[in-house]
Structures are given as structure tokens and as C-alpha cells.
N, C-alpha and C. Protein backbone atom coordinates (compact mmCIF):
# COMPACT_ATOMS: atom_id res chain seq x y z
N TRP A 1 -15.15 9.04 -0.90
CA TRP A 1 -14.63 9.35 0.41
C TRP A 1 -13.99 10.72 0.37
N THR A 2 -14.40 11.56 1.29
CA THR A 2 -13.81 12.89 1.45
C THR A 2 -13.33 13.00 2.89
N PRO A 3 -12.02 13.09 3.10
CA PRO A 3 -11.50 13.15 4.47
C PRO A 3 -11.86 14.47 5.15
N ALA A 4 -12.10 14.37 6.45
CA ALA A 4 -12.43 15.56 7.24
C ALA A 4 -11.17 16.28 7.72
N GLY A 5 -10.03 15.61 7.66
CA GLY A 5 -8.79 16.23 8.11
C GLY A 5 -7.59 15.41 7.68
N ASP A 6 -6.39 15.89 8.04
CA ASP A 6 -5.16 15.22 7.63
C ASP A 6 -4.88 13.93 8.38
N ASP A 7 -5.64 13.62 9.40
CA ASP A 7 -5.45 12.39 10.15
C ASP A 7 -6.59 11.40 9.94
N GLU A 8 -7.31 11.54 8.85
CA GLU A 8 -8.39 10.61 8.53
C GLU A 8 -7.98 9.82 7.29
N TYR A 9 -8.05 8.52 7.39
CA TYR A 9 -7.60 7.63 6.33
C TYR A 9 -8.73 6.71 5.90
N ALA A 10 -8.59 6.15 4.72
CA ALA A 10 -9.60 5.22 4.21
C ALA A 10 -8.93 3.96 3.69
N VAL A 11 -9.50 2.82 4.02
CA VAL A 11 -9.08 1.55 3.45
C VAL A 11 -10.11 1.18 2.40
N LEU A 12 -9.67 1.09 1.16
CA LEU A 12 -10.57 0.74 0.07
C LEU A 12 -10.21 -0.65 -0.43
N LEU A 13 -11.23 -1.51 -0.51
CA LEU A 13 -11.03 -2.89 -0.94
C LEU A 13 -11.96 -3.21 -2.10
N GLU A 14 -11.47 -3.98 -3.06
CA GLU A 14 -12.33 -4.49 -4.12
C GLU A 14 -13.35 -5.43 -3.50
N ASP A 15 -14.48 -5.62 -4.15
CA ASP A 15 -15.55 -6.43 -3.57
C ASP A 15 -15.21 -7.92 -3.49
N ASP A 16 -14.19 -8.38 -4.19
CA ASP A 16 -13.84 -9.79 -4.14
C ASP A 16 -12.53 -10.06 -3.39
N ILE A 17 -12.09 -9.11 -2.59
CA ILE A 17 -10.84 -9.24 -1.84
C ILE A 17 -11.11 -9.90 -0.49
N GLU A 18 -10.25 -10.83 -0.16
CA GLU A 18 -10.27 -11.43 1.17
C GLU A 18 -8.94 -11.08 1.83
N VAL A 19 -9.00 -10.44 2.98
CA VAL A 19 -7.78 -9.99 3.64
C VAL A 19 -7.35 -10.98 4.72
N ALA A 20 -6.07 -10.96 5.03
CA ALA A 20 -5.53 -11.80 6.08
C ALA A 20 -6.00 -11.28 7.43
N PRO A 21 -6.06 -12.14 8.44
CA PRO A 21 -6.47 -11.70 9.78
C PRO A 21 -5.59 -10.58 10.34
N SER A 22 -4.35 -10.50 9.90
CA SER A 22 -3.43 -9.50 10.44
C SER A 22 -3.37 -8.21 9.61
N PHE A 23 -4.25 -8.06 8.61
CA PHE A 23 -4.13 -6.90 7.71
C PHE A 23 -4.28 -5.58 8.44
N TYR A 24 -5.20 -5.48 9.39
CA TYR A 24 -5.42 -4.20 10.08
C TYR A 24 -4.20 -3.83 10.92
N ALA A 25 -3.65 -4.80 11.64
CA ALA A 25 -2.47 -4.52 12.47
C ALA A 25 -1.29 -4.10 11.59
N TRP A 26 -1.11 -4.79 10.45
CA TRP A 26 -0.01 -4.45 9.55
C TRP A 26 -0.19 -3.05 8.97
N LEU A 27 -1.42 -2.73 8.56
CA LEU A 27 -1.68 -1.39 8.02
C LEU A 27 -1.45 -0.31 9.06
N LYS A 28 -1.93 -0.55 10.25
CA LYS A 28 -1.77 0.46 11.30
C LYS A 28 -0.29 0.66 11.65
N TYR A 29 0.45 -0.42 11.76
CA TYR A 29 1.89 -0.31 12.02
C TYR A 29 2.58 0.45 10.90
N SER A 30 2.27 0.11 9.66
CA SER A 30 2.89 0.78 8.51
C SER A 30 2.54 2.26 8.48
N LEU A 31 1.28 2.58 8.76
CA LEU A 31 0.85 3.98 8.79
C LEU A 31 1.63 4.74 9.86
N LEU A 32 1.74 4.17 11.04
CA LEU A 32 2.48 4.84 12.11
C LEU A 32 3.95 5.01 11.75
N MET A 33 4.53 4.00 11.12
CA MET A 33 5.94 4.06 10.75
C MET A 33 6.20 5.09 9.65
N TYR A 34 5.37 5.07 8.59
CA TYR A 34 5.64 5.94 7.44
C TYR A 34 5.10 7.35 7.60
N ARG A 35 4.14 7.57 8.45
CA ARG A 35 3.54 8.90 8.57
C ARG A 35 3.81 9.61 9.89
N TYR A 36 3.99 8.86 10.97
CA TYR A 36 4.05 9.50 12.28
C TYR A 36 5.34 9.25 13.05
N SER A 37 6.23 8.43 12.55
CA SER A 37 7.47 8.14 13.24
C SER A 37 8.47 9.27 13.00
N GLY A 38 9.14 9.70 14.04
CA GLY A 38 10.16 10.73 13.89
C GLY A 38 11.35 10.23 13.10
N GLU A 39 11.54 8.91 13.08
CA GLU A 39 12.66 8.32 12.36
C GLU A 39 12.30 7.96 10.92
N ALA A 40 11.04 8.03 10.58
CA ALA A 40 10.61 7.61 9.25
C ALA A 40 11.14 8.57 8.19
N ALA A 41 11.53 8.00 7.09
CA ALA A 41 11.94 8.82 5.94
C ALA A 41 10.68 9.23 5.22
N ALA A 42 10.09 10.31 5.67
CA ALA A 42 8.82 10.77 5.09
C ALA A 42 9.01 11.08 3.61
N ASP A 43 8.16 10.54 2.82
CA ASP A 43 8.21 10.74 1.38
C ASP A 43 6.96 11.50 0.98
N ALA A 44 7.13 12.72 0.55
CA ALA A 44 5.99 13.56 0.19
C ALA A 44 5.22 13.00 -1.00
N ASP A 45 5.85 12.14 -1.77
CA ASP A 45 5.19 11.57 -2.95
C ASP A 45 4.37 10.32 -2.61
N MET A 46 4.48 9.80 -1.39
CA MET A 46 3.74 8.59 -1.02
C MET A 46 2.26 8.93 -0.88
N ILE A 47 1.40 8.16 -1.55
CA ILE A 47 -0.04 8.45 -1.51
C ILE A 47 -0.84 7.41 -0.74
N GLY A 48 -0.18 6.33 -0.33
CA GLY A 48 -0.91 5.32 0.41
C GLY A 48 -0.07 4.09 0.66
N ILE A 49 -0.72 3.09 1.26
CA ILE A 49 -0.07 1.83 1.58
C ILE A 49 -0.92 0.72 0.98
N SER A 50 -0.32 -0.04 0.10
CA SER A 50 -1.05 -1.09 -0.60
C SER A 50 -1.00 -2.40 0.17
N LEU A 51 -2.01 -3.20 -0.04
CA LEU A 51 -2.06 -4.54 0.54
C LEU A 51 -1.84 -5.60 -0.53
N TYR A 52 -1.31 -5.19 -1.65
CA TYR A 52 -1.23 -6.08 -2.80
C TYR A 52 0.21 -6.22 -3.27
N THR A 53 0.60 -7.44 -3.58
CA THR A 53 1.90 -7.68 -4.18
C THR A 53 1.68 -7.93 -5.66
N PRO A 54 2.19 -7.07 -6.52
CA PRO A 54 1.96 -7.25 -7.95
C PRO A 54 2.58 -8.55 -8.46
N ARG A 55 1.91 -9.16 -9.39
CA ARG A 55 2.38 -10.40 -9.99
C ARG A 55 2.73 -10.20 -11.47
N LEU A 56 2.46 -9.01 -11.97
CA LEU A 56 2.62 -8.74 -13.39
C LEU A 56 3.07 -7.30 -13.57
N VAL A 57 4.06 -7.07 -14.42
CA VAL A 57 4.46 -5.71 -14.76
C VAL A 57 3.49 -5.24 -15.83
N GLU A 58 2.58 -4.33 -15.47
CA GLU A 58 1.50 -3.94 -16.37
C GLU A 58 1.78 -2.67 -17.16
N VAL A 59 2.90 -2.02 -16.90
CA VAL A 59 3.18 -0.75 -17.57
C VAL A 59 4.07 -0.91 -18.80
N ARG A 60 4.46 -2.12 -19.11
CA ARG A 60 5.28 -2.38 -20.30
C ARG A 60 4.66 -3.49 -21.12
N ILE A 61 4.86 -3.39 -22.41
CA ILE A 61 4.40 -4.46 -23.30
C ILE A 61 5.64 -5.04 -23.96
N PRO A 62 5.86 -6.30 -23.99
CA PRO A 62 4.97 -7.31 -23.45
C PRO A 62 5.03 -7.34 -21.92
N ARG A 63 3.91 -7.69 -21.32
CA ARG A 63 3.85 -7.80 -19.86
C ARG A 63 4.64 -9.03 -19.44
N ARG A 64 5.27 -8.91 -18.28
CA ARG A 64 6.00 -10.07 -17.79
C ARG A 64 5.62 -10.35 -16.35
N ARG A 65 5.66 -11.60 -16.01
CA ARG A 65 5.34 -12.03 -14.64
C ARG A 65 6.54 -11.79 -13.73
N ILE A 66 6.23 -11.41 -12.48
CA ILE A 66 7.27 -11.21 -11.46
C ILE A 66 6.83 -11.88 -10.18
N ASN A 67 7.76 -12.20 -9.33
CA ASN A 67 7.44 -12.79 -8.04
C ASN A 67 8.21 -12.04 -6.96
N LEU A 68 7.72 -10.85 -6.64
CA LEU A 68 8.39 -10.01 -5.64
C LEU A 68 8.35 -10.64 -4.26
N TYR A 69 7.29 -11.38 -3.97
CA TYR A 69 7.19 -12.00 -2.66
C TYR A 69 8.35 -12.97 -2.43
N ALA A 70 8.66 -13.78 -3.43
CA ALA A 70 9.78 -14.71 -3.30
C ALA A 70 11.11 -13.97 -3.25
N GLU A 71 11.27 -12.95 -4.09
CA GLU A 71 12.52 -12.20 -4.13
C GLU A 71 12.79 -11.47 -2.82
N LEU A 72 11.75 -10.91 -2.23
CA LEU A 72 11.91 -10.09 -1.03
C LEU A 72 11.64 -10.85 0.26
N ARG A 73 11.27 -12.11 0.12
CA ARG A 73 11.00 -12.99 1.28
C ARG A 73 9.98 -12.40 2.22
N GLY A 74 8.93 -11.82 1.67
CA GLY A 74 7.83 -11.32 2.48
C GLY A 74 8.04 -9.94 3.09
N GLN A 75 9.17 -9.29 2.82
CA GLN A 75 9.44 -7.97 3.40
C GLN A 75 8.65 -6.89 2.67
N PRO A 76 8.18 -5.87 3.39
CA PRO A 76 7.49 -4.75 2.73
C PRO A 76 8.45 -4.03 1.78
N PHE A 77 7.90 -3.38 0.76
CA PHE A 77 8.72 -2.68 -0.21
C PHE A 77 7.95 -1.48 -0.73
N LEU A 78 8.67 -0.52 -1.28
CA LEU A 78 8.07 0.66 -1.88
C LEU A 78 8.04 0.48 -3.39
N GLN A 79 6.96 0.90 -4.00
CA GLN A 79 6.88 0.88 -5.46
C GLN A 79 6.11 2.10 -5.93
N GLN A 80 6.28 2.44 -7.17
CA GLN A 80 5.68 3.66 -7.71
C GLN A 80 4.34 3.45 -8.37
N LEU A 81 3.81 2.25 -8.35
CA LEU A 81 2.52 1.98 -8.98
C LEU A 81 1.44 1.81 -7.93
N PRO A 82 0.40 2.62 -7.97
CA PRO A 82 -0.71 2.43 -7.03
C PRO A 82 -1.53 1.21 -7.43
N CYS A 83 -2.20 0.64 -6.48
CA CYS A 83 -3.04 -0.52 -6.77
C CYS A 83 -4.37 -0.35 -6.05
N SER A 84 -5.45 -0.52 -6.76
CA SER A 84 -6.77 -0.32 -6.17
C SER A 84 -7.35 -1.59 -5.58
N TRP A 85 -6.65 -2.69 -5.63
CA TRP A 85 -7.20 -3.95 -5.13
C TRP A 85 -7.38 -3.93 -3.62
N GLY A 86 -6.56 -3.22 -2.93
CA GLY A 86 -6.65 -3.09 -1.50
C GLY A 86 -5.60 -2.13 -1.03
N ALA A 87 -6.00 -1.00 -0.49
CA ALA A 87 -5.01 0.00 -0.09
C ALA A 87 -5.58 0.95 0.94
N LEU A 88 -4.68 1.54 1.70
CA LEU A 88 -5.01 2.63 2.60
C LEU A 88 -4.51 3.90 1.91
N PHE A 89 -5.40 4.82 1.66
CA PHE A 89 -5.02 6.05 0.97
C PHE A 89 -4.90 7.21 1.95
N PHE A 90 -3.91 8.06 1.72
CA PHE A 90 -3.68 9.21 2.58
C PHE A 90 -4.66 10.32 2.20
N PRO A 91 -5.09 11.14 3.16
CA PRO A 91 -6.13 12.13 2.90
C PRO A 91 -5.76 13.19 1.87
N GLU A 92 -4.49 13.53 1.74
CA GLU A 92 -4.12 14.58 0.81
C GLU A 92 -3.94 14.07 -0.61
N SER A 93 -4.04 12.76 -0.82
CA SER A 93 -3.81 12.22 -2.17
C SER A 93 -5.05 12.20 -3.04
């Protein structure tokens, strides 16, 4: 994928991913909030919006299981690890 401009985005999904019926609405809302809202705390280091909640800390050995969904009660969160399982990537990344 090669974006034609700064307002062109791509949703990349693994071939075995099944998304929730609300995934497009959630992605679009998140994109508008993080990229186009005047109140958004724009983060120049943000490269995309993931649709995946990690279940394992993969950058340390030994790996340990985590349950961020339970800890955060379903709230969106920022993390520094990209995930290719399902994400919307920003054109400049």
C-alpha cells in the first residue's frame, strides 16, 4: 500500500481475523479523535490504531500473560508496540 496523500489510510488485517460489527465505526471515531480533533493530544510518534488487545508481553523473556481488557474494562489505551493482526496505519508511517 502506497498512500496518495496525508488523508489516505489503510486497514490491514491478517487473513484469519474476524472483526466485530462495530470495528469500522470504532476505527473511524478513533481516527477522527486522534488525528483531526482540535482537542486531541496529537502524538507525532503515533503510527496507527490497532484493533488488537495484546495477551502476552512479547518483548521480554520470560514472556508473561496479561489481561489488559479486564484491567482497563474495555477502555481504549495507548501502547508502544505495533501489532499487525489488525490495524489502521497512518500514511506517513
